[in-house]
Amino acid sequence: MIIKSLRSEREEAKTIHKKYITAYAQEQLGKPLEKVSIFFEGVTQEIENGRRDEEIQFQQLYSKSELKKAIKQYSGILFIPF
């Protein structure tokens, strides 16, 4: 049953729910995968700062070997083929 007069409240509730679900997922998944998350946040920040992909991959901090080191700590949790 949809009550038309409550449409705006329903949309607001959906927005708030989505916001808190996203925050919860980031909090819970961010802790066990913190180093992987930090790696990808750094890459995203470099892209937003205008760096090209080709430049980022040659930086030691964001190299493939650094990603492998971060993932290696979570070998029981993740499976990412290279």
C-alpha atoms as a PDB file:
ATOM      1  CA  MET A   1       0.000   0.000   0.000  1.00  0.00           C
ATOM      2  CA  ILE A   2       1.473   3.339  -1.060  1.00  0.00           C
ATOM      3  CA  ILE A   3       0.277   6.521   0.577  1.00  0.00           C
ATOM      4  CA  LYS A   4       0.923   9.405  -1.801  1.00  0.00           C
ATOM      5  CA  SER A   5       1.120  12.020   0.928  1.00  0.00           C
ATOM      6  CA  LEU A   6       4.109  10.192   2.456  1.00  0.00           C
ATOM      7  CA  ARG A   7       6.122  10.006  -0.773  1.00  0.00           C
ATOM      8  CA  SER A   8       8.690  12.647   0.262  1.00  0.00           C
ATOM      9  CA  GLU A   9       9.195  11.033   3.675  1.00  0.00           C
ATOM     10  CA  ARG A  10       9.663   7.641   2.035  1.00  0.00           C
ATOM     11  CA  GLU A  11      12.290   9.023  -0.355  1.00  0.00           C
ATOM     12  CA  GLU A  12      14.078  10.771   2.503  1.00  0.00           C
ATOM     13  CA  ALA A  13      14.063   7.542   4.524  1.00  0.00           C
ATOM     14  CA  LYS A  14      15.494   5.622   1.545  1.00  0.00           C
ATOM     15  CA  THR A  15      18.270   8.210   1.162  1.00  0.00           C
ATOM     16  CA  ILE A  16      19.170   8.103   4.840  1.00  0.00           C
ATOM     17  CA  HIS A  17      19.043   4.303   4.847  1.00  0.00           C
ATOM     18  CA  LYS A  18      21.376   4.089   1.856  1.00  0.00           C
ATOM     19  CA  LYS A  19      23.789   6.568   3.481  1.00  0.00           C
ATOM     20  CA  TYR A  20      24.007   4.559   6.687  1.00  0.00           C
ATOM     21  CA  ILE A  21      24.232   1.185   4.939  1.00  0.00           C
ATOM     22  CA  THR A  22      27.153   2.509   2.875  1.00  0.00           C
ATOM     23  CA  ALA A  23      28.876   3.894   5.984  1.00  0.00           C
ATOM     24  CA  TYR A  24      28.339   0.593   7.814  1.00  0.00           C
ATOM     25  CA  ALA A  25      29.764  -1.452   4.946  1.00  0.00           C
ATOM     26  CA  GLN A  26      32.802   0.810   4.671  1.00  0.00           C
ATOM     27  CA  GLU A  27      33.392   0.615   8.412  1.00  0.00           C
ATOM     28  CA  GLN A  28      33.046  -3.162   8.632  1.00  0.00           C
ATOM     29  CA  LEU A  29      34.861  -4.039   5.408  1.00  0.00           C
ATOM     30  CA  GLY A  30      37.376  -1.244   5.730  1.00  0.00           C
ATOM     31  CA  LYS A  31      38.931  -2.645   8.899  1.00  0.00           C
ATOM     32  CA  PRO A  32      39.880  -6.116   7.683  1.00  0.00           C
ATOM     33  CA  LEU A  33      40.857  -4.800   4.249  1.00  0.00           C
ATOM     34  CA  GLU A  34      42.320  -1.515   5.418  1.00  0.00           C
ATOM     35  CA  LYS A  35      45.636  -1.685   3.527  1.00  0.00           C
ATOM     36  CA  VAL A  36      43.924  -2.638   0.270  1.00  0.00           C
ATOM     37  CA  SER A  37      41.404   0.156   0.792  1.00  0.00           C
ATOM     38  CA  ILE A  38      44.178   2.692   1.450  1.00  0.00           C
ATOM     39  CA  PHE A  39      45.956   1.565  -1.724  1.00  0.00           C
ATOM     40  CA  PHE A  40      42.909   2.100  -3.925  1.00  0.00           C
ATOM     41  CA  GLU A  41      41.978   5.375  -2.220  1.00  0.00           C
ATOM     42  CA  GLY A  42      45.471   6.637  -3.053  1.00  0.00           C
ATOM     43  CA  VAL A  43      45.152   5.559  -6.674  1.00  0.00           C
ATOM     44  CA  THR A  44      41.744   7.232  -6.914  1.00  0.00           C
ATOM     45  CA  GLN A  45      43.131  10.411  -5.418  1.00  0.00           C
ATOM     46  CA  GLU A  46      45.983  10.447  -7.944  1.00  0.00           C
ATOM     47  CA  ILE A  47      43.490  10.046 -10.807  1.00  0.00           C
ATOM     48  CA  GLU A  48      41.346  12.859  -9.408  1.00  0.00           C
ATOM     49  CA  ASN A  49      44.469  15.042  -9.239  1.00  0.00           C
ATOM     50  CA  GLY A  50      44.864  14.619 -12.990  1.00  0.00           C
ATOM     51  CA  ARG A  51      47.543  11.951 -13.254  1.00  0.00           C
ATOM     52  CA  ARG A  52      47.323   9.514 -16.115  1.00  0.00           C
ATOM     53  CA  ASP A  53      47.075   5.785 -15.444  1.00  0.00           C
ATOM     54  CA  GLU A  54      50.439   5.225 -17.094  1.00  0.00           C
ATOM     55  CA  GLU A  55      52.131   7.586 -14.634  1.00  0.00           C
ATOM     56  CA  ILE A  56      50.492   6.086 -11.557  1.00  0.00           C
ATOM     57  CA  GLN A  57      51.506   2.511 -12.283  1.00  0.00           C
ATOM     58  CA  PHE A  58      55.187   3.460 -12.293  1.00  0.00           C
ATOM     59  CA  GLN A  59      55.089   5.099  -8.862  1.00  0.00           C
ATOM     60  CA  GLN A  60      56.532   2.728  -6.276  1.00  0.00           C
ATOM     61  CA  LEU A  61      53.744   3.448  -3.795  1.00  0.00           C
ATOM     62  CA  TYR A  62      51.061   2.321  -6.287  1.00  0.00           C
ATOM     63  CA  SER A  63      52.912  -0.429  -8.127  1.00  0.00           C
ATOM     64  CA  LYS A  64      51.583  -3.903  -8.751  1.00  0.00           C
ATOM     65  CA  SER A  65      54.070  -5.339  -6.253  1.00  0.00           C
ATOM     66  CA  GLU A  66      52.771  -3.016  -3.506  1.00  0.00           C
ATOM     67  CA  LEU A  67      49.220  -4.131  -4.236  1.00  0.00           C
ATOM     68  CA  LYS A  68      50.319  -7.765  -4.021  1.00  0.00           C
ATOM     69  CA  LYS A  69      51.925  -7.069  -0.624  1.00  0.00           C
ATOM     70  CA  ALA A  70      48.703  -5.526   0.656  1.00  0.00           C
ATOM     71  CA  ILE A  71      46.579  -8.394  -0.662  1.00  0.00           C
ATOM     72  CA  LYS A  72      48.955 -11.066   0.634  1.00  0.00           C
ATOM     73  CA  GLN A  73      47.970 -10.197   4.203  1.00  0.00           C
ATOM     74  CA  TYR A  74      44.388 -11.162   3.415  1.00  0.00           C
ATOM     75  CA  SER A  75      45.074 -14.366   1.517  1.00  0.00           C
ATOM     76  CA  GLY A  76      42.384 -16.257   3.448  1.00  0.00           C
ATOM     77  CA  ILE A  77      39.793 -13.578   2.749  1.00  0.00           C
ATOM     78  CA  LEU A  78      40.446 -12.553  -0.841  1.00  0.00           C
ATOM     79  CA  PHE A  79      41.109 -14.315  -4.076  1.00  0.00           C
ATOM     80  CA  ILE A  80      42.291 -11.976  -6.809  1.00  0.00           C
ATOM     81  CA  PRO A  81      44.088 -13.638  -9.709  1.00  0.00           C
ATOM     82  CA  PHE A  82      46.984 -11.771 -11.295  1.00  0.00           C
END
